[in-house]
């Protein structure tokens, strides 16, 4: 996709995503123009959800009424992405 000469707009968006990609899976929040405003690697995400909330250094809080730490962490990731997107939309 990033080398598609027939669709330069799509090619540019693919390139923006590849700049933030880390193997094997990267979760991203992107603006319609392809700008990545927030991203997290799946391995890091899984490491964070494996931590117990009381462990020192836990990046995410598991509060919010969800029993499943991965659900709570994913919702926090999305909320952070939306907050970061506001900075771009205010411009």
PDB file of N, CA and C in Angstrom:
ATOM      1  N   UNK A   1       0.817  -1.195   0.000  1.00  0.00           N
ATOM      2  CA  UNK A   1       0.000   0.000   0.000  1.00  0.00           C
ATOM      3  C   UNK A   1       0.860   1.259   0.000  1.00  0.00           C
ATOM      4  N   UNK A   2       1.966   1.252   0.768  1.00  0.00           N
ATOM      5  CA  UNK A   2       2.759   2.469   0.872  1.00  0.00           C
ATOM      6  C   UNK A   2       3.458   2.808  -0.439  1.00  0.00           C
ATOM      7  N   UNK A   3       3.540   1.868  -1.387  1.00  0.00           N
ATOM      8  CA  UNK A   3       4.177   2.132  -2.675  1.00  0.00           C
ATOM      9  C   UNK A   3       3.158   2.217  -3.808  1.00  0.00           C
ATOM     10  N   UNK A   4       1.886   2.353  -3.496  1.00  0.00           N
ATOM     11  CA  UNK A   4       0.818   2.382  -4.496  1.00  0.00           C
ATOM     12  C   UNK A   4       0.822   3.709  -5.239  1.00  0.00           C
ATOM     13  N   UNK A   5       1.298   3.676  -6.480  1.00  0.00           N
ATOM     14  CA  UNK A   5       1.369   4.893  -7.308  1.00  0.00           C
ATOM     15  C   UNK A   5      -0.021   5.325  -7.781  1.00  0.00           C
ATOM     16  N   UNK A   6      -0.973   4.396  -7.796  1.00  0.00           N
ATOM     17  CA  UNK A   6      -2.327   4.700  -8.256  1.00  0.00           C
ATOM     18  C   UNK A   6      -3.134   5.476  -7.216  1.00  0.00           C
ATOM     19  N   UNK A   7      -2.750   5.357  -5.959  1.00  0.00           N
ATOM     20  CA  UNK A   7      -3.503   6.007  -4.892  1.00  0.00           C
ATOM     21  C   UNK A   7      -2.530   6.662  -3.906  1.00  0.00           C
ATOM     22  N   UNK A   8      -2.017   7.851  -4.257  1.00  0.00           N
ATOM     23  CA  UNK A   8      -1.015   8.498  -3.392  1.00  0.00           C
ATOM     24  C   UNK A   8      -1.540   8.870  -2.005  1.00  0.00           C
ATOM     25  N   UNK A   9      -2.828   9.165  -1.872  1.00  0.00           N
ATOM     26  CA  UNK A   9      -3.396   9.518  -0.567  1.00  0.00           C
ATOM     27  C   UNK A   9      -3.350   8.303   0.360  1.00  0.00           C
ATOM     28  N   UNK A  10      -3.784   7.171  -0.140  1.00  0.00           N
ATOM     29  CA  UNK A  10      -3.747   5.938   0.645  1.00  0.00           C
ATOM     30  C   UNK A  10      -2.303   5.540   0.943  1.00  0.00           C
ATOM     31  N   UNK A  11      -1.437   5.730  -0.026  1.00  0.00           N
ATOM     32  CA  UNK A  11      -0.023   5.422   0.152  1.00  0.00           C
ATOM     33  C   UNK A  11       0.584   6.238   1.289  1.00  0.00           C
ATOM     34  N   UNK A  12       0.250   7.517   1.356  1.00  0.00           N
ATOM     35  CA  UNK A  12       0.761   8.382   2.422  1.00  0.00           C
ATOM     36  C   UNK A  12       0.247   7.927   3.795  1.00  0.00           C
ATOM     37  N   UNK A  13      -1.031   7.572   3.866  1.00  0.00           N
ATOM     38  CA  UNK A  13      -1.603   7.105   5.138  1.00  0.00           C
ATOM     39  C   UNK A  13      -0.950   5.800   5.585  1.00  0.00           C
ATOM     40  N   UNK A  14      -0.699   4.906   4.646  1.00  0.00           N
ATOM     41  CA  UNK A  14      -0.032   3.644   4.979  1.00  0.00           C
ATOM     42  C   UNK A  14       1.369   3.908   5.515  1.00  0.00           C
ATOM     43  N   UNK A  15       2.084   4.846   4.908  1.00  0.00           N
ATOM     44  CA  UNK A  15       3.432   5.170   5.364  1.00  0.00           C
ATOM     45  C   UNK A  15       3.416   5.738   6.782  1.00  0.00           C
ATOM     46  N   UNK A  16       2.444   6.601   7.087  1.00  0.00           N
ATOM     47  CA  UNK A  16       2.330   7.159   8.441  1.00  0.00           C
ATOM     48  C   UNK A  16       2.112   6.057   9.477  1.00  0.00           C
ATOM     49  N   UNK A  17       1.318   5.061   9.120  1.00  0.00           N
ATOM     50  CA  UNK A  17       1.062   3.952  10.043  1.00  0.00           C
ATOM     51  C   UNK A  17       2.306   3.079  10.213  1.00  0.00           C
ATOM     52  N   UNK A  18       3.017   2.846   9.124  1.00  0.00           N
ATOM     53  CA  UNK A  18       4.210   2.004   9.203  1.00  0.00           C
ATOM     54  C   UNK A  18       5.317   2.647  10.034  1.00  0.00           C
ATOM     55  N   UNK A  19       5.347   3.965  10.088  1.00  0.00           N
ATOM     56  CA  UNK A  19       6.353   4.658  10.894  1.00  0.00           C
ATOM     57  C   UNK A  19       6.188   4.349  12.382  1.00  0.00           C
ATOM     58  N   UNK A  20       4.979   4.081  12.820  1.00  0.00           N
ATOM     59  CA  UNK A  20       4.700   3.806  14.237  1.00  0.00           C
ATOM     60  C   UNK A  20       4.592   2.316  14.549  1.00  0.00           C
ATOM     61  N   UNK A  21       4.614   1.481  13.516  1.00  0.00           N
ATOM     62  CA  UNK A  21       4.397   0.047  13.697  1.00  0.00           C
ATOM     63  C   UNK A  21       5.601  -0.630  14.337  1.00  0.00           C
ATOM     64  N   UNK A  22       5.329  -1.506  15.299  1.00  0.00           N
ATOM     65  CA  UNK A  22       6.320  -2.403  15.887  1.00  0.00           C
ATOM     66  C   UNK A  22       5.748  -3.807  15.871  1.00  0.00           C
ATOM     67  N   UNK A  23       6.571  -4.769  15.487  1.00  0.00           N
ATOM     68  CA  UNK A  23       6.164  -6.165  15.404  1.00  0.00           C
ATOM     69  C   UNK A  23       5.742  -6.672  16.781  1.00  0.00           C
ATOM     70  N   UNK A  24       4.751  -7.515  16.930  1.00  0.00           N
ATOM     71  CA  UNK A  24       3.907  -8.132  15.920  1.00  0.00           C
ATOM     72  C   UNK A  24       2.626  -7.349  15.647  1.00  0.00           C
ATOM     73  N   UNK A  25       2.085  -6.691  16.660  1.00  0.00           N
ATOM     74  CA  UNK A  25       0.818  -5.964  16.502  1.00  0.00           C
ATOM     75  C   UNK A  25       0.935  -4.626  17.199  1.00  0.00           C
ATOM     76  N   UNK A  26       0.433  -3.598  16.555  1.00  0.00           N
ATOM     77  CA  UNK A  26       0.431  -2.252  17.121  1.00  0.00           C
ATOM     78  C   UNK A  26      -1.010  -1.746  17.104  1.00  0.00           C
ATOM     79  N   UNK A  27      -1.502  -1.313  18.251  1.00  0.00           N
ATOM     80  CA  UNK A  27      -2.828  -0.692  18.306  1.00  0.00           C
ATOM     81  C   UNK A  27      -2.620   0.804  18.137  1.00  0.00           C
ATOM     82  N   UNK A  28      -3.430   1.412  17.265  1.00  0.00           N
ATOM     83  CA  UNK A  28      -3.250   2.828  16.963  1.00  0.00           C
ATOM     84  C   UNK A  28      -4.573   3.574  16.976  1.00  0.00           C
ATOM     85  N   UNK A  29      -4.487   4.838  17.373  1.00  0.00           N
ATOM     86  CA  UNK A  29      -5.598   5.773  17.222  1.00  0.00           C
ATOM     87  C   UNK A  29      -5.104   6.789  16.203  1.00  0.00           C
ATOM     88  N   UNK A  30      -5.844   6.921  15.102  1.00  0.00           N
ATOM     89  CA  UNK A  30      -5.406   7.787  14.012  1.00  0.00           C
ATOM     90  C   UNK A  30      -6.507   8.760  13.614  1.00  0.00           C
ATOM     91  N   UNK A  31      -6.068   9.914  13.136  1.00  0.00           N
ATOM     92  CA  UNK A  31      -6.997  10.893  12.579  1.00  0.00           C
ATOM     93  C   UNK A  31      -7.345  10.474  11.153  1.00  0.00           C
ATOM     94  N   UNK A  32      -8.429  10.994  10.592  1.00  0.00           N
ATOM     95  CA  UNK A  32      -8.799  10.642   9.219  1.00  0.00           C
ATOM     96  C   UNK A  32      -7.701  10.936   8.186  1.00  0.00           C
ATOM     97  N   UNK A  33      -6.820  11.906   8.481  1.00  0.00           N
ATOM     98  CA  UNK A  33      -5.748  12.215   7.532  1.00  0.00           C
ATOM     99  C   UNK A  33      -4.559  11.268   7.667  1.00  0.00           C
ATOM    100  N   UNK A  34      -4.642  10.295   8.569  1.00  0.00           N
ATOM    101  CA  UNK A  34      -3.589   9.305   8.730  1.00  0.00           C
ATOM    102  C   UNK A  34      -2.623   9.584   9.861  1.00  0.00           C
ATOM    103  N   UNK A  35      -2.714  10.748  10.485  1.00  0.00           N
ATOM    104  CA  UNK A  35      -1.829  11.087  11.594  1.00  0.00           C
ATOM    105  C   UNK A  35      -2.101  10.162  12.774  1.00  0.00           C
ATOM    106  N   UNK A  36      -1.050   9.523  13.271  1.00  0.00           N
ATOM    107  CA  UNK A  36      -1.170   8.645  14.432  1.00  0.00           C
ATOM    108  C   UNK A  36      -1.040   9.508  15.679  1.00  0.00           C
ATOM    109  N   UNK A  37      -2.072   9.522  16.505  1.00  0.00           N
ATOM    110  CA  UNK A  37      -2.044  10.351  17.710  1.00  0.00           C
ATOM    111  C   UNK A  37      -1.698   9.543  18.961  1.00  0.00           C
ATOM    112  N   UNK A  38      -1.864   8.222  18.894  1.00  0.00           N
ATOM    113  CA  UNK A  38      -1.562   7.381  20.056  1.00  0.00           C
ATOM    114  C   UNK A  38      -1.363   5.957  19.559  1.00  0.00           C
ATOM    115  N   UNK A  39      -0.405   5.258  20.148  1.00  0.00           N
ATOM    116  CA  UNK A  39      -0.195   3.861  19.758  1.00  0.00           C
ATOM    117  C   UNK A  39       0.445   3.094  20.904  1.00  0.00           C
ATOM    118  N   UNK A  40       0.233   1.789  20.871  1.00  0.00           N
ATOM    119  CA  UNK A  40       0.827   0.903  21.871  1.00  0.00           C
ATOM    120  C   UNK A  40       1.069  -0.453  21.217  1.00  0.00           C
ATOM    121  N   UNK A  41       2.209  -1.029  21.497  1.00  0.00           N
ATOM    122  CA  UNK A  41       2.536  -2.347  20.983  1.00  0.00           C
ATOM    123  C   UNK A  41       1.785  -3.397  21.798  1.00  0.00           C
ATOM    124  N   UNK A  42       1.316  -4.423  21.119  1.00  0.00           N
ATOM    125  CA  UNK A  42       0.531  -5.466  21.790  1.00  0.00           C
ATOM    126  C   UNK A  42       1.324  -6.165  22.891  1.00  0.00           C
ATOM    127  N   UNK A  43       2.613  -6.377  22.673  1.00  0.00           N
ATOM    128  CA  UNK A  43       3.415  -7.029  23.717  1.00  0.00           C
ATOM    129  C   UNK A  43       3.471  -6.170  24.975  1.00  0.00           C
ATOM    130  N   UNK A  44       3.664  -4.861  24.815  1.00  0.00           N
ATOM    131  CA  UNK A  44       3.679  -3.954  25.961  1.00  0.00           C
ATOM    132  C   UNK A  44       2.310  -3.945  26.637  1.00  0.00           C
ATOM    133  N   UNK A  45       1.252  -3.898  25.827  1.00  0.00           N
ATOM    134  CA  UNK A  45      -0.116  -3.922  26.344  1.00  0.00           C
ATOM    135  C   UNK A  45      -0.343  -5.169  27.196  1.00  0.00           C
ATOM    136  N   UNK A  46       0.070  -6.325  26.685  1.00  0.00           N
ATOM    137  CA  UNK A  46      -0.119  -7.573  27.431  1.00  0.00           C
ATOM    138  C   UNK A  46       0.708  -7.591  28.707  1.00  0.00           C
ATOM    139  N   UNK A  47       1.917  -7.031  28.643  1.00  0.00           N
ATOM    140  CA  UNK A  47       2.734  -6.930  29.858  1.00  0.00           C
ATOM    141  C   UNK A  47       2.033  -6.080  30.908  1.00  0.00           C
ATOM    142  N   UNK A  48       1.424  -4.977  30.478  1.00  0.00           N
ATOM    143  CA  UNK A  48       0.739  -4.087  31.413  1.00  0.00           C
ATOM    144  C   UNK A  48      -0.483  -4.752  32.026  1.00  0.00           C
ATOM    145  N   UNK A  49      -1.218  -5.500  31.238  1.00  0.00           N
ATOM    146  CA  UNK A  49      -2.434  -6.130  31.762  1.00  0.00           C
ATOM    147  C   UNK A  49      -2.104  -7.331  32.633  1.00  0.00           C
ATOM    148  N   UNK A  50      -0.879  -7.849  32.534  1.00  0.00           N
ATOM    149  CA  UNK A  50      -0.467  -8.965  33.379  1.00  0.00           C
ATOM    150  C   UNK A  50      -0.048  -8.486  34.762  1.00  0.00           C
ATOM    151  N   UNK A  51       0.256  -7.182  34.892  1.00  0.00           N
ATOM    152  CA  UNK A  51       0.666  -6.635  36.184  1.00  0.00           C
ATOM    153  C   UNK A  51      -0.538  -6.529  37.104  1.00  0.00           C
ATOM    154  N   UNK A  52      -0.295  -6.691  38.351  1.00  0.00           N
ATOM    155  CA  UNK A  52      -1.353  -6.474  39.328  1.00  0.00           C
ATOM    156  C   UNK A  52      -1.441  -4.977  39.593  1.00  0.00           C
ATOM    157  N   UNK A  53      -2.626  -4.437  39.788  1.00  0.00           N
ATOM    158  CA  UNK A  53      -2.793  -2.989  39.981  1.00  0.00           C
ATOM    159  C   UNK A  53      -1.944  -2.418  41.107  1.00  0.00           C
ATOM    160  N   UNK A  54      -1.698  -3.216  42.120  1.00  0.00           N
ATOM    161  CA  UNK A  54      -0.939  -2.695  43.256  1.00  0.00           C
ATOM    162  C   UNK A  54       0.572  -2.726  43.014  1.00  0.00           C
ATOM    163  N   UNK A  55       1.014  -3.350  41.906  1.00  0.00           N
ATOM    164  CA  UNK A  55       2.443  -3.395  41.621  1.00  0.00           C
ATOM    165  C   UNK A  55       2.955  -2.004  41.301  1.00  0.00           C
ATOM    166  N   UNK A  56       4.100  -1.689  41.848  1.00  0.00           N
ATOM    167  CA  UNK A  56       4.697  -0.386  41.610  1.00  0.00           C
ATOM    168  C   UNK A  56       5.131  -0.305  40.153  1.00  0.00           C
ATOM    169  N   UNK A  57       4.903   0.835  39.530  1.00  0.00           N
ATOM    170  CA  UNK A  57       5.300   1.027  38.143  1.00  0.00           C
ATOM    171  C   UNK A  57       4.234   0.654  37.140  1.00  0.00           C
ATOM    172  N   UNK A  58       3.072   0.235  37.598  1.00  0.00           N
ATOM    173  CA  UNK A  58       1.993  -0.082  36.664  1.00  0.00           C
ATOM    174  C   UNK A  58       1.592   1.191  35.935  1.00  0.00           C
ATOM    175  N   UNK A  59       1.597   1.116  34.603  1.00  0.00           N
ATOM    176  CA  UNK A  59       1.320   2.290  33.784  1.00  0.00           C
ATOM    177  C   UNK A  59      -0.151   2.658  33.796  1.00  0.00           C
ATOM    178  N   UNK A  60      -1.010   1.652  33.820  1.00  0.00           N
ATOM    179  CA  UNK A  60      -2.434   1.892  33.716  1.00  0.00           C
ATOM    180  C   UNK A  60      -3.142   1.554  35.019  1.00  0.00           C
ATOM    181  N   UNK A  61      -4.214   2.251  35.256  1.00  0.00           N
ATOM    182  CA  UNK A  61      -5.042   1.963  36.423  1.00  0.00           C
ATOM    183  C   UNK A  61      -6.115   0.967  36.020  1.00  0.00           C
ATOM    184  N   UNK A  62      -6.444   0.053  36.903  1.00  0.00           N
ATOM    185  CA  UNK A  62      -7.481  -0.923  36.617  1.00  0.00           C
ATOM    186  C   UNK A  62      -8.816  -0.530  37.224  1.00  0.00           C
ATOM    187  N   UNK A  63      -8.914   0.684  37.707  1.00  0.00           N
ATOM    188  CA  UNK A  63     -10.190   1.122  38.255  1.00  0.00           C
ATOM    189  C   UNK A  63     -11.105   1.541  37.119  1.00  0.00           C
ATOM    190  N   UNK A  64     -12.345   1.561  37.352  1.00  0.00           N
ATOM    191  CA  UNK A  64     -13.308   1.950  36.339  1.00  0.00           C
ATOM    192  C   UNK A  64     -14.468   0.983  36.267  1.00  0.00           C
ATOM    193  N   UNK A  65     -14.516   0.031  37.186  1.00  0.00           N
ATOM    194  CA  UNK A  65     -15.654  -0.860  37.237  1.00  0.00           C
ATOM    195  C   UNK A  65     -15.532  -2.102  36.381  1.00  0.00           C
ATOM    196  N   UNK A  66     -14.396  -2.338  35.763  1.00  0.00           N
ATOM    197  CA  UNK A  66     -14.238  -3.515  34.924  1.00  0.00           C
ATOM    198  C   UNK A  66     -13.445  -4.573  35.673  1.00  0.00           C
ATOM    199  N   UNK A  67     -13.910  -5.790  35.607  1.00  0.00           N
ATOM    200  CA  UNK A  67     -13.216  -6.895  36.257  1.00  0.00           C
ATOM    201  C   UNK A  67     -11.971  -7.295  35.471  1.00  0.00           C
ATOM    202  N   UNK A  68     -12.052  -7.223  34.164  1.00  0.00           N
ATOM    203  CA  UNK A  68     -10.983  -7.686  33.290  1.00  0.00           C
ATOM    204  C   UNK A  68      -9.936  -6.585  33.098  1.00  0.00           C
ATOM    205  N   UNK A  69      -8.699  -6.811  33.538  1.00  0.00           N
ATOM    206  CA  UNK A  69      -7.668  -5.770  33.398  1.00  0.00           C
ATOM    207  C   UNK A  69      -7.402  -5.368  31.952  1.00  0.00           C
ATOM    208  N   UNK A  70      -7.501  -6.303  31.002  1.00  0.00           N
ATOM    209  CA  UNK A  70      -7.233  -5.941  29.611  1.00  0.00           C
ATOM    210  C   UNK A  70      -8.315  -5.010  29.066  1.00  0.00           C
ATOM    211  N   UNK A  71      -9.558  -5.219  29.461  1.00  0.00           N
ATOM    212  CA  UNK A  71     -10.640  -4.330  29.026  1.00  0.00           C
ATOM    213  C   UNK A  71     -10.437  -2.935  29.588  1.00  0.00           C
ATOM    214  N   UNK A  72     -10.142  -2.858  30.860  1.00  0.00           N
ATOM    215  CA  UNK A  72      -9.915  -1.569  31.504  1.00  0.00           C
ATOM    216  C   UNK A  72      -8.722  -0.847  30.890  1.00  0.00           C
ATOM    217  N   UNK A  73      -7.649  -1.582  30.634  1.00  0.00           N
ATOM    218  CA  UNK A  73      -6.448  -0.990  30.045  1.00  0.00           C
ATOM    219  C   UNK A  73      -6.723  -0.511  28.631  1.00  0.00           C
ATOM    220  N   UNK A  74      -7.474  -1.288  27.859  1.00  0.00           N
ATOM    221  CA  UNK A  74      -7.799  -0.899  26.490  1.00  0.00           C
ATOM    222  C   UNK A  74      -8.667   0.360  26.478  1.00  0.00           C
ATOM    223  N   UNK A  75      -9.627   0.438  27.372  1.00  0.00           N
ATOM    224  CA  UNK A  75     -10.468   1.635  27.460  1.00  0.00           C
ATOM    225  C   UNK A  75      -9.617   2.843  27.841  1.00  0.00           C
ATOM    226  N   UNK A  76      -8.682   2.662  28.754  1.00  0.00           N
ATOM    227  CA  UNK A  76      -7.773   3.756  29.119  1.00  0.00           C
ATOM    228  C   UNK A  76      -6.940   4.186  27.921  1.00  0.00           C
ATOM    229  N   UNK A  77      -6.454   3.222  27.148  1.00  0.00           N
ATOM    230  CA  UNK A  77      -5.687   3.517  25.936  1.00  0.00           C
ATOM    231  C   UNK A  77      -6.519   4.357  24.963  1.00  0.00           C
ATOM    232  N   UNK A  78      -7.766   3.955  24.745  1.00  0.00           N
ATOM    233  CA  UNK A  78      -8.635   4.698  23.829  1.00  0.00           C
ATOM    234  C   UNK A  78      -8.924   6.106  24.347  1.00  0.00           C
ATOM    235  N   UNK A  79      -9.181   6.239  25.643  1.00  0.00           N
ATOM    236  CA  UNK A  79      -9.432   7.563  26.224  1.00  0.00           C
ATOM    237  C   UNK A  79      -8.216   8.467  26.062  1.00  0.00           C
ATOM    238  N   UNK A  80      -7.018   7.918  26.303  1.00  0.00           N
ATOM    239  CA  UNK A  80      -5.798   8.702  26.118  1.00  0.00           C
ATOM    240  C   UNK A  80      -5.661   9.134  24.664  1.00  0.00           C
ATOM    241  N   UNK A  81      -5.984   8.236  23.750  1.00  0.00           N
ATOM    242  CA  UNK A  81      -5.924   8.560  22.324  1.00  0.00           C
ATOM    243  C   UNK A  81      -6.875   9.678  21.953  1.00  0.00           C
ATOM    244  N   UNK A  82      -8.078   9.642  22.495  1.00  0.00           N
ATOM    245  CA  UNK A  82      -9.049  10.705  22.220  1.00  0.00           C
ATOM    246  C   UNK A  82      -8.586  12.038  22.790  1.00  0.00           C
ATOM    247  N   UNK A  83      -7.993  12.009  23.979  1.00  0.00           N
ATOM    248  CA  UNK A  83      -7.461  13.246  24.570  1.00  0.00           C
ATOM    249  C   UNK A  83      -6.343  13.817  23.705  1.00  0.00           C
ATOM    250  N   UNK A  84      -5.461  12.952  23.227  1.00  0.00           N
ATOM    251  CA  UNK A  84      -4.365  13.406  22.368  1.00  0.00           C
ATOM    252  C   UNK A  84      -4.889  13.926  21.034  1.00  0.00           C
ATOM    253  N   UNK A  85      -5.963  13.333  20.531  1.00  0.00           N
ATOM    254  CA  UNK A  85      -6.543  13.779  19.262  1.00  0.00           C
ATOM    255  C   UNK A  85      -7.116  15.184  19.381  1.00  0.00           C
ATOM    256  N   UNK A  86      -7.610  15.541  20.568  1.00  0.00           N
ATOM    257  CA  UNK A  86      -8.169  16.882  20.773  1.00  0.00           C
ATOM    258  C   UNK A  86      -7.143  17.964  20.474  1.00  0.00           C
ATOM    259  N   UNK A  87      -5.868  17.694  20.786  1.00  0.00           N
ATOM    260  CA  UNK A  87      -4.808  18.664  20.521  1.00  0.00           C
ATOM    261  C   UNK A  87      -4.720  18.977  19.030  1.00  0.00           C
ATOM    262  N   UNK A  88      -4.871  17.953  18.190  1.00  0.00           N
ATOM    263  CA  UNK A  88      -4.798  18.141  16.744  1.00  0.00           C
ATOM    264  C   UNK A  88      -6.050  18.821  16.207  1.00  0.00           C
ATOM    265  N   UNK A  89      -7.191  18.484  16.775  1.00  0.00           N
ATOM    266  CA  UNK A  89      -8.454  19.027  16.282  1.00  0.00           C
ATOM    267  C   UNK A  89      -8.640  20.484  16.672  1.00  0.00           C
ATOM    268  N   UNK A  90      -7.967  20.921  17.732  1.00  0.00           N
ATOM    269  CA  UNK A  90      -8.072  22.311  18.182  1.00  0.00           C
ATOM    270  C   UNK A  90      -7.272  23.258  17.288  1.00  0.00           C
ATOM    271  N   UNK A  91      -6.380  22.716  16.479  1.00  0.00           N
ATOM    272  CA  UNK A  91      -5.520  23.551  15.623  1.00  0.00           C
ATOM    273  C   UNK A  91      -6.254  24.091  14.427  1.00  0.00           C
TER     274      UNK A  91
END
